[in-house]
Amino acid sequence: MNEDDGYLMTFVYAGDTNTSYLSILDASNISAEPLAEIHIPQRVQGFHGTWISDS
């Protein structure tokens, strides 16, 4: 298993429309187009993440 096996998920805020979306990226190729985008019709504030290791 490599450290970049998996997915990177991040919220993006579009200030011009006051909306957000969740962008899901392949962690081994984050410069590629997102694998998926989930659009949310409002701003997502205060989003935080947590890392959980296998051990």
Foldseek 3Di string as FASTA:
>chain_A
DDPQQDWDWDKDADVVQQWIKIFICRSVCRVDHTPDIGTGNHHDPDDDDDDDDPD
